[in-house]
Amino acid sequence: MIAQTIQLALAPVFVLVAIGNIIGTLTQRLGRVVDRSRELQRRHGETVGPAHDLVVREIRLTDRRIELIGKALLRLVLAALAIGLTVVLLFVEEYAHVGLNPVAAGTFILAIGLLMWALLLFLRETREATAALRIPEMYLERERTL
C-alpha cells in the first residue's frame, strides 16, 4: 500500500520540481530587473528633455515588471505549498484511512490553477520586458538609407 501511495505522490512531486525551476528563473529575472532599476534611478537625476522622458518611461516599465514578477512568485509559492499539502493528504489518507482523496484532488487542482496564473503573469512580464527593450524610433533613423 505504501508503494502505491508513493506512486500517487510522484506526479505532484514532479510538479513541485517544475515550480521550483520556474521560481529560480523568476528570481534571476527579478535580480536583473532590480539591478536595471537601480541604474535607471541613478540616471534619472542626470538626464533632461527627451532623454529624461525615456528614462522615466523605462523606470515605469521596470516598476511594472517588478510587480508582475512579485505576483508570479507569490502564486508559485502558494502552488508549491498546495502541492506539499496534496502529498501530505495522500499519506494521511493511507495511514489514517480517512477519505481525503477529494480534498487531495482539490489541493492539486488549486496548485495547478495557481501555477497557470503565475505563468500568465510571467508571460505578461516578458511582454513588458519586450516593450522596455523596444528601440525608440528617433534612434532608428528610418528616413535614412544606409
N, C-alpha and C. Protein backbone atom coordinates (compact mmCIF):
# COMPACT_ATOMS: atom_id res chain seq x y z
N MET A 1 0.80 -1.19 0.00
CA MET A 1 0.00 0.00 0.00
C MET A 1 0.85 1.27 0.00
N ILE A 2 1.92 1.29 0.78
CA ILE A 2 2.77 2.49 0.84
C ILE A 2 3.40 2.75 -0.53
N ALA A 3 3.76 1.67 -1.23
CA ALA A 3 4.34 1.84 -2.57
C ALA A 3 3.34 2.51 -3.50
N GLN A 4 2.09 2.15 -3.39
CA GLN A 4 1.05 2.75 -4.22
C GLN A 4 0.89 4.25 -3.89
N THR A 5 0.97 4.58 -2.61
CA THR A 5 0.86 5.99 -2.19
C THR A 5 2.04 6.79 -2.70
N ILE A 6 3.22 6.19 -2.64
CA ILE A 6 4.41 6.87 -3.17
C ILE A 6 4.25 7.11 -4.66
N GLN A 7 3.73 6.13 -5.38
CA GLN A 7 3.49 6.31 -6.80
C GLN A 7 2.48 7.42 -7.06
N LEU A 8 1.44 7.49 -6.25
CA LEU A 8 0.45 8.55 -6.39
C LEU A 8 1.06 9.92 -6.12
N ALA A 9 2.01 9.97 -5.20
CA ALA A 9 2.63 11.24 -4.82
C ALA A 9 3.67 11.71 -5.83
N LEU A 10 4.10 10.84 -6.73
CA LEU A 10 5.15 11.22 -7.68
C LEU A 10 4.73 12.34 -8.63
N ALA A 11 3.52 12.30 -9.14
CA ALA A 11 3.06 13.35 -10.07
C ALA A 11 3.10 14.72 -9.41
N PRO A 12 2.54 14.87 -8.19
CA PRO A 12 2.64 16.18 -7.55
C PRO A 12 4.09 16.60 -7.28
N VAL A 13 4.93 15.65 -6.97
CA VAL A 13 6.33 15.98 -6.69
C VAL A 13 7.02 16.47 -7.97
N PHE A 14 6.70 15.90 -9.11
CA PHE A 14 7.26 16.39 -10.37
C PHE A 14 6.79 17.82 -10.65
N VAL A 15 5.54 18.10 -10.34
CA VAL A 15 5.03 19.47 -10.49
C VAL A 15 5.78 20.39 -9.54
N LEU A 16 6.06 19.93 -8.33
CA LEU A 16 6.81 20.72 -7.36
C LEU A 16 8.21 21.06 -7.88
N VAL A 17 8.86 20.11 -8.53
CA VAL A 17 10.18 20.36 -9.13
C VAL A 17 10.06 21.42 -10.22
N ALA A 18 9.04 21.31 -11.05
CA ALA A 18 8.85 22.30 -12.11
C ALA A 18 8.62 23.69 -11.52
N ILE A 19 7.81 23.76 -10.47
CA ILE A 19 7.56 25.04 -9.81
C ILE A 19 8.86 25.62 -9.27
N GLY A 20 9.68 24.77 -8.68
CA GLY A 20 10.98 25.23 -8.16
C GLY A 20 11.85 25.81 -9.26
N ASN A 21 11.85 25.16 -10.41
CA ASN A 21 12.64 25.67 -11.54
C ASN A 21 12.12 27.01 -12.03
N ILE A 22 10.82 27.17 -12.08
CA ILE A 22 10.24 28.43 -12.52
C ILE A 22 10.54 29.52 -11.49
N ILE A 23 10.47 29.18 -10.21
CA ILE A 23 10.83 30.15 -9.16
C ILE A 23 12.27 30.60 -9.35
N GLY A 24 13.16 29.67 -9.65
CA GLY A 24 14.57 30.04 -9.88
C GLY A 24 14.72 30.99 -11.06
N THR A 25 14.01 30.71 -12.12
CA THR A 25 14.06 31.58 -13.30
C THR A 25 13.54 32.98 -12.98
N LEU A 26 12.40 33.04 -12.29
CA LEU A 26 11.82 34.35 -11.96
C LEU A 26 12.70 35.11 -10.98
N THR A 27 13.33 34.41 -10.06
CA THR A 27 14.22 35.07 -9.11
C THR A 27 15.41 35.69 -9.83
N GLN A 28 15.97 34.99 -10.80
CA GLN A 28 17.06 35.55 -11.60
C GLN A 28 16.59 36.78 -12.37
N ARG A 29 15.42 36.68 -12.98
CA ARG A 29 14.88 37.84 -13.71
C ARG A 29 14.68 39.02 -12.77
N LEU A 30 14.14 38.74 -11.59
CA LEU A 30 13.90 39.81 -10.63
C LEU A 30 15.21 40.49 -10.25
N GLY A 31 16.25 39.72 -10.05
CA GLY A 31 17.56 40.30 -9.73
C GLY A 31 18.05 41.23 -10.83
N ARG A 32 17.91 40.79 -12.07
CA ARG A 32 18.34 41.63 -13.20
C ARG A 32 17.49 42.89 -13.32
N VAL A 33 16.19 42.76 -13.10
CA VAL A 33 15.29 43.92 -13.19
C VAL A 33 15.61 44.91 -12.07
N VAL A 34 15.87 44.42 -10.88
CA VAL A 34 16.22 45.30 -9.77
C VAL A 34 17.53 46.03 -10.06
N ASP A 35 18.51 45.32 -10.59
CA ASP A 35 19.78 45.97 -10.97
C ASP A 35 19.53 47.06 -12.00
N ARG A 36 18.69 46.76 -12.98
CA ARG A 36 18.38 47.75 -14.02
C ARG A 36 17.65 48.96 -13.42
N SER A 37 16.76 48.71 -12.48
CA SER A 37 16.02 49.82 -11.86
C SER A 37 16.97 50.73 -11.08
N ARG A 38 17.97 50.15 -10.44
CA ARG A 38 18.95 50.96 -9.71
C ARG A 38 19.75 51.84 -10.67
N GLU A 39 20.12 51.28 -11.80
CA GLU A 39 20.85 52.05 -12.81
C GLU A 39 19.98 53.19 -13.35
N LEU A 40 18.73 52.88 -13.63
CA LEU A 40 17.82 53.91 -14.14
C LEU A 40 17.59 55.02 -13.11
N GLN A 41 17.48 54.65 -11.86
CA GLN A 41 17.30 55.66 -10.81
C GLN A 41 18.53 56.56 -10.71
N ARG A 42 19.69 55.97 -10.92
CA ARG A 42 20.91 56.79 -10.92
C ARG A 42 20.89 57.77 -12.09
N ARG A 43 20.47 57.30 -13.27
CA ARG A 43 20.42 58.14 -14.46
C ARG A 43 19.32 59.19 -14.41
N HIS A 44 18.30 58.95 -13.60
CA HIS A 44 17.15 59.85 -13.52
C HIS A 44 17.57 61.29 -13.24
N GLY A 45 18.46 61.48 -12.30
CA GLY A 45 18.88 62.83 -11.95
C GLY A 45 19.89 63.44 -12.89
N GLU A 46 20.40 62.64 -13.82
CA GLU A 46 21.45 63.10 -14.73
C GLU A 46 20.93 63.45 -16.12
N THR A 47 19.65 63.25 -16.36
CA THR A 47 19.11 63.46 -17.71
C THR A 47 18.10 64.59 -17.73
N VAL A 48 17.92 65.16 -18.91
CA VAL A 48 16.91 66.21 -19.13
C VAL A 48 16.28 65.99 -20.50
N GLY A 49 15.14 66.63 -20.69
CA GLY A 49 14.50 66.60 -22.01
C GLY A 49 14.06 65.22 -22.44
N PRO A 50 14.19 64.92 -23.75
CA PRO A 50 13.75 63.63 -24.29
C PRO A 50 14.47 62.44 -23.66
N ALA A 51 15.75 62.62 -23.34
CA ALA A 51 16.50 61.53 -22.70
C ALA A 51 15.90 61.21 -21.33
N HIS A 52 15.50 62.25 -20.62
CA HIS A 52 14.89 62.06 -19.31
C HIS A 52 13.54 61.35 -19.45
N ASP A 53 12.77 61.72 -20.46
CA ASP A 53 11.49 61.06 -20.70
C ASP A 53 11.67 59.57 -20.96
N LEU A 54 12.71 59.21 -21.70
CA LEU A 54 13.00 57.79 -21.96
C LEU A 54 13.34 57.06 -20.66
N VAL A 55 14.11 57.70 -19.81
CA VAL A 55 14.48 57.09 -18.53
C VAL A 55 13.24 56.88 -17.67
N VAL A 56 12.38 57.89 -17.59
CA VAL A 56 11.16 57.78 -16.78
C VAL A 56 10.26 56.69 -17.33
N ARG A 57 10.12 56.62 -18.66
CA ARG A 57 9.31 55.57 -19.28
C ARG A 57 9.84 54.19 -18.90
N GLU A 58 11.14 54.02 -18.98
CA GLU A 58 11.70 52.71 -18.65
C GLU A 58 11.60 52.42 -17.15
N ILE A 59 11.72 53.44 -16.31
CA ILE A 59 11.54 53.23 -14.87
C ILE A 59 10.12 52.72 -14.60
N ARG A 60 9.14 53.30 -15.27
CA ARG A 60 7.75 52.86 -15.08
C ARG A 60 7.56 51.41 -15.52
N LEU A 61 8.13 51.07 -16.67
CA LEU A 61 8.03 49.69 -17.15
C LEU A 61 8.75 48.73 -16.20
N THR A 62 9.89 49.15 -15.70
CA THR A 62 10.66 48.32 -14.79
C THR A 62 9.89 48.09 -13.49
N ASP A 63 9.24 49.14 -13.00
CA ASP A 63 8.43 49.02 -11.79
C ASP A 63 7.30 48.02 -12.02
N ARG A 64 6.68 48.08 -13.18
CA ARG A 64 5.59 47.15 -13.51
C ARG A 64 6.11 45.72 -13.59
N ARG A 65 7.29 45.56 -14.16
CA ARG A 65 7.88 44.22 -14.25
C ARG A 65 8.17 43.65 -12.87
N ILE A 66 8.70 44.48 -11.97
CA ILE A 66 8.97 44.03 -10.60
C ILE A 66 7.67 43.57 -9.94
N GLU A 67 6.60 44.33 -10.15
CA GLU A 67 5.30 43.97 -9.58
C GLU A 67 4.80 42.64 -10.13
N LEU A 68 4.90 42.46 -11.44
CA LEU A 68 4.42 41.21 -12.06
C LEU A 68 5.23 40.01 -11.59
N ILE A 69 6.53 40.15 -11.50
CA ILE A 69 7.36 39.04 -11.03
C ILE A 69 7.01 38.71 -9.58
N GLY A 70 6.82 39.74 -8.77
CA GLY A 70 6.45 39.51 -7.37
C GLY A 70 5.13 38.75 -7.25
N LYS A 71 4.15 39.15 -8.05
CA LYS A 71 2.86 38.46 -8.03
C LYS A 71 3.00 37.00 -8.50
N ALA A 72 3.80 36.80 -9.54
CA ALA A 72 4.00 35.43 -10.05
C ALA A 72 4.70 34.57 -9.00
N LEU A 73 5.70 35.13 -8.33
CA LEU A 73 6.40 34.38 -7.30
C LEU A 73 5.46 34.01 -6.15
N LEU A 74 4.60 34.93 -5.76
CA LEU A 74 3.63 34.62 -4.70
C LEU A 74 2.75 33.45 -5.09
N ARG A 75 2.25 33.46 -6.31
CA ARG A 75 1.37 32.37 -6.75
C ARG A 75 2.13 31.05 -6.85
N LEU A 76 3.39 31.11 -7.26
CA LEU A 76 4.19 29.89 -7.35
C LEU A 76 4.45 29.30 -5.97
N VAL A 77 4.74 30.15 -5.00
CA VAL A 77 4.96 29.65 -3.64
C VAL A 77 3.67 29.05 -3.09
N LEU A 78 2.55 29.71 -3.32
CA LEU A 78 1.27 29.15 -2.88
C LEU A 78 0.98 27.82 -3.58
N ALA A 79 1.32 27.73 -4.86
CA ALA A 79 1.14 26.47 -5.60
C ALA A 79 2.02 25.37 -5.00
N ALA A 80 3.26 25.72 -4.67
CA ALA A 80 4.17 24.74 -4.07
C ALA A 80 3.63 24.26 -2.72
N LEU A 81 3.10 25.18 -1.93
CA LEU A 81 2.51 24.79 -0.64
C LEU A 81 1.30 23.88 -0.85
N ALA A 82 0.49 24.17 -1.86
CA ALA A 82 -0.67 23.34 -2.15
C ALA A 82 -0.23 21.95 -2.61
N ILE A 83 0.85 21.88 -3.36
CA ILE A 83 1.38 20.56 -3.77
C ILE A 83 1.86 19.80 -2.55
N GLY A 84 2.59 20.49 -1.68
CA GLY A 84 3.04 19.83 -0.44
C GLY A 84 1.87 19.31 0.36
N LEU A 85 0.82 20.11 0.47
CA LEU A 85 -0.38 19.67 1.20
C LEU A 85 -1.02 18.47 0.51
N THR A 86 -1.01 18.46 -0.80
CA THR A 86 -1.56 17.32 -1.55
C THR A 86 -0.83 16.03 -1.17
N VAL A 87 0.49 16.10 -1.16
CA VAL A 87 1.29 14.91 -0.82
C VAL A 87 1.01 14.47 0.62
N VAL A 88 0.95 15.43 1.53
CA VAL A 88 0.65 15.10 2.93
C VAL A 88 -0.72 14.43 3.02
N LEU A 89 -1.70 14.99 2.34
CA LEU A 89 -3.04 14.40 2.38
C LEU A 89 -3.06 12.98 1.84
N LEU A 90 -2.29 12.72 0.80
CA LEU A 90 -2.23 11.36 0.25
C LEU A 90 -1.69 10.37 1.27
N PHE A 91 -0.68 10.78 2.01
CA PHE A 91 -0.10 9.88 3.02
C PHE A 91 -1.00 9.76 4.25
N VAL A 92 -1.63 10.85 4.66
CA VAL A 92 -2.57 10.76 5.78
C VAL A 92 -3.73 9.84 5.41
N GLU A 93 -4.20 9.96 4.19
CA GLU A 93 -5.27 9.08 3.69
C GLU A 93 -4.85 7.62 3.84
N GLU A 94 -3.63 7.33 3.47
CA GLU A 94 -3.13 5.95 3.51
C GLU A 94 -3.04 5.44 4.95
N TYR A 95 -2.49 6.25 5.84
CA TYR A 95 -2.24 5.77 7.20
C TYR A 95 -3.45 5.90 8.12
N ALA A 96 -4.25 6.93 7.97
CA ALA A 96 -5.38 7.15 8.87
C ALA A 96 -6.67 6.55 8.31
N HIS A 97 -6.60 6.10 7.05
CA HIS A 97 -7.79 5.52 6.40
C HIS A 97 -8.98 6.47 6.48
N VAL A 98 -8.70 7.75 6.20
CA VAL A 98 -9.72 8.79 6.18
C VAL A 98 -9.95 9.16 4.72
N GLY A 99 -11.16 9.44 4.34
CA GLY A 99 -11.49 9.74 2.95
C GLY A 99 -11.04 11.13 2.53
N LEU A 100 -9.75 11.28 2.28
CA LEU A 100 -9.20 12.59 1.92
C LEU A 100 -8.88 12.74 0.44
N ASN A 101 -9.17 11.74 -0.36
CA ASN A 101 -8.85 11.84 -1.79
C ASN A 101 -9.52 13.04 -2.46
N PRO A 102 -10.80 13.33 -2.18
CA PRO A 102 -11.39 14.53 -2.80
C PRO A 102 -10.68 15.82 -2.38
N VAL A 103 -10.25 15.88 -1.12
CA VAL A 103 -9.53 17.07 -0.65
C VAL A 103 -8.17 17.15 -1.33
N ALA A 104 -7.48 16.02 -1.44
CA ALA A 104 -6.18 15.99 -2.12
C ALA A 104 -6.33 16.40 -3.58
N ALA A 105 -7.38 15.92 -4.22
CA ALA A 105 -7.63 16.33 -5.62
C ALA A 105 -7.87 17.83 -5.69
N GLY A 106 -8.61 18.36 -4.73
CA GLY A 106 -8.87 19.80 -4.70
C GLY A 106 -7.61 20.62 -4.53
N THR A 107 -6.72 20.18 -3.63
CA THR A 107 -5.47 20.94 -3.43
C THR A 107 -4.58 20.84 -4.66
N PHE A 108 -4.62 19.69 -5.34
CA PHE A 108 -3.82 19.55 -6.56
C PHE A 108 -4.37 20.46 -7.66
N ILE A 109 -5.67 20.50 -7.81
CA ILE A 109 -6.29 21.39 -8.80
C ILE A 109 -5.99 22.84 -8.48
N LEU A 110 -6.05 23.20 -7.19
CA LEU A 110 -5.71 24.55 -6.77
C LEU A 110 -4.26 24.88 -7.15
N ALA A 111 -3.36 23.94 -6.90
CA ALA A 111 -1.95 24.15 -7.22
C ALA A 111 -1.75 24.37 -8.72
N ILE A 112 -2.40 23.58 -9.53
CA ILE A 112 -2.27 23.73 -10.98
C ILE A 112 -2.85 25.07 -11.43
N GLY A 113 -3.97 25.46 -10.83
CA GLY A 113 -4.56 26.76 -11.15
C GLY A 113 -3.62 27.91 -10.80
N LEU A 114 -3.00 27.84 -9.62
CA LEU A 114 -2.04 28.87 -9.22
C LEU A 114 -0.82 28.89 -10.14
N LEU A 115 -0.37 27.70 -10.52
CA LEU A 115 0.76 27.60 -11.45
C LEU A 115 0.40 28.26 -12.79
N MET A 116 -0.78 27.99 -13.29
CA MET A 116 -1.19 28.60 -14.56
C MET A 116 -1.30 30.12 -14.43
N TRP A 117 -1.82 30.59 -13.31
CA TRP A 117 -1.94 32.02 -13.07
C TRP A 117 -0.55 32.66 -13.04
N ALA A 118 0.39 32.00 -12.37
CA ALA A 118 1.76 32.51 -12.30
C ALA A 118 2.39 32.54 -13.70
N LEU A 119 2.12 31.53 -14.49
CA LEU A 119 2.68 31.51 -15.85
C LEU A 119 2.09 32.63 -16.72
N LEU A 120 0.83 32.94 -16.52
CA LEU A 120 0.23 34.07 -17.25
C LEU A 120 0.88 35.39 -16.82
N LEU A 121 1.15 35.54 -15.53
CA LEU A 121 1.85 36.74 -15.06
C LEU A 121 3.27 36.80 -15.64
N PHE A 122 3.91 35.65 -15.72
CA PHE A 122 5.26 35.58 -16.31
C PHE A 122 5.20 36.00 -17.77
N LEU A 123 4.18 35.54 -18.47
CA LEU A 123 4.01 35.94 -19.87
C LEU A 123 3.84 37.46 -19.97
N ARG A 124 3.02 38.03 -19.11
CA ARG A 124 2.83 39.49 -19.11
C ARG A 124 4.14 40.20 -18.82
N GLU A 125 4.92 39.66 -17.89
CA GLU A 125 6.21 40.29 -17.56
C GLU A 125 7.16 40.26 -18.74
N THR A 126 7.19 39.14 -19.46
CA THR A 126 8.09 39.07 -20.61
C THR A 126 7.64 40.04 -21.71
N ARG A 127 6.34 40.25 -21.82
CA ARG A 127 5.84 41.22 -22.80
C ARG A 127 6.23 42.64 -22.38
N GLU A 128 6.17 42.91 -21.07
CA GLU A 128 6.62 44.22 -20.56
C GLU A 128 8.12 44.39 -20.83
N ALA A 129 8.88 43.33 -20.64
CA ALA A 129 10.32 43.40 -20.89
C ALA A 129 10.59 43.70 -22.36
N THR A 130 9.82 43.08 -23.23
CA THR A 130 9.97 43.34 -24.66
C THR A 130 9.64 44.79 -24.98
N ALA A 131 8.60 45.31 -24.35
CA ALA A 131 8.23 46.71 -24.57
C ALA A 131 9.34 47.64 -24.09
N ALA A 132 9.97 47.28 -22.97
CA ALA A 132 11.05 48.11 -22.42
C ALA A 132 12.28 48.08 -23.32
N LEU A 133 12.44 46.99 -24.06
CA LEU A 133 13.61 46.85 -24.91
C LEU A 133 13.43 47.43 -26.30
N ARG A 134 12.23 47.88 -26.60
CA ARG A 134 11.99 48.47 -27.91
C ARG A 134 12.86 49.70 -28.09
N ILE A 135 13.48 49.81 -29.25
CA ILE A 135 14.34 50.95 -29.55
C ILE A 135 13.46 52.09 -30.02
N PRO A 136 13.58 53.26 -29.40
CA PRO A 136 12.77 54.41 -29.83
C PRO A 136 13.02 54.75 -31.30
N GLU A 137 11.97 55.16 -31.98
CA GLU A 137 12.02 55.47 -33.41
C GLU A 137 13.12 56.48 -33.74
N MET A 138 13.33 57.48 -32.87
CA MET A 138 14.30 58.53 -33.18
C MET A 138 15.71 57.97 -33.37
N TYR A 139 16.00 56.82 -32.73
CA TYR A 139 17.33 56.23 -32.88
C TYR A 139 17.45 55.36 -34.14
N LEU A 140 16.33 54.94 -34.67
CA LEU A 140 16.37 54.07 -35.84
C LEU A 140 16.64 54.84 -37.14
N GLU A 141 16.32 56.11 -37.15
CA GLU A 141 16.57 56.97 -38.32
C GLU A 141 16.10 56.30 -39.60
N ARG A 142 14.87 55.90 -39.62
CA ARG A 142 14.32 55.16 -40.75
C ARG A 142 14.31 55.98 -42.04
N GLU A 143 14.33 57.28 -41.92
CA GLU A 143 14.32 58.12 -43.12
C GLU A 143 15.64 58.07 -43.88
N ARG A 144 16.67 57.56 -43.22
CA ARG A 144 17.99 57.47 -43.88
C ARG A 144 18.15 56.12 -44.55
N THR A 145 18.80 56.12 -45.69
CA THR A 145 19.16 54.89 -46.38
C THR A 145 20.62 54.61 -46.08
N LEU A 146 20.86 53.45 -45.54
CA LEU A 146 22.24 53.09 -45.19
C LEU A 146 22.79 52.00 -46.06
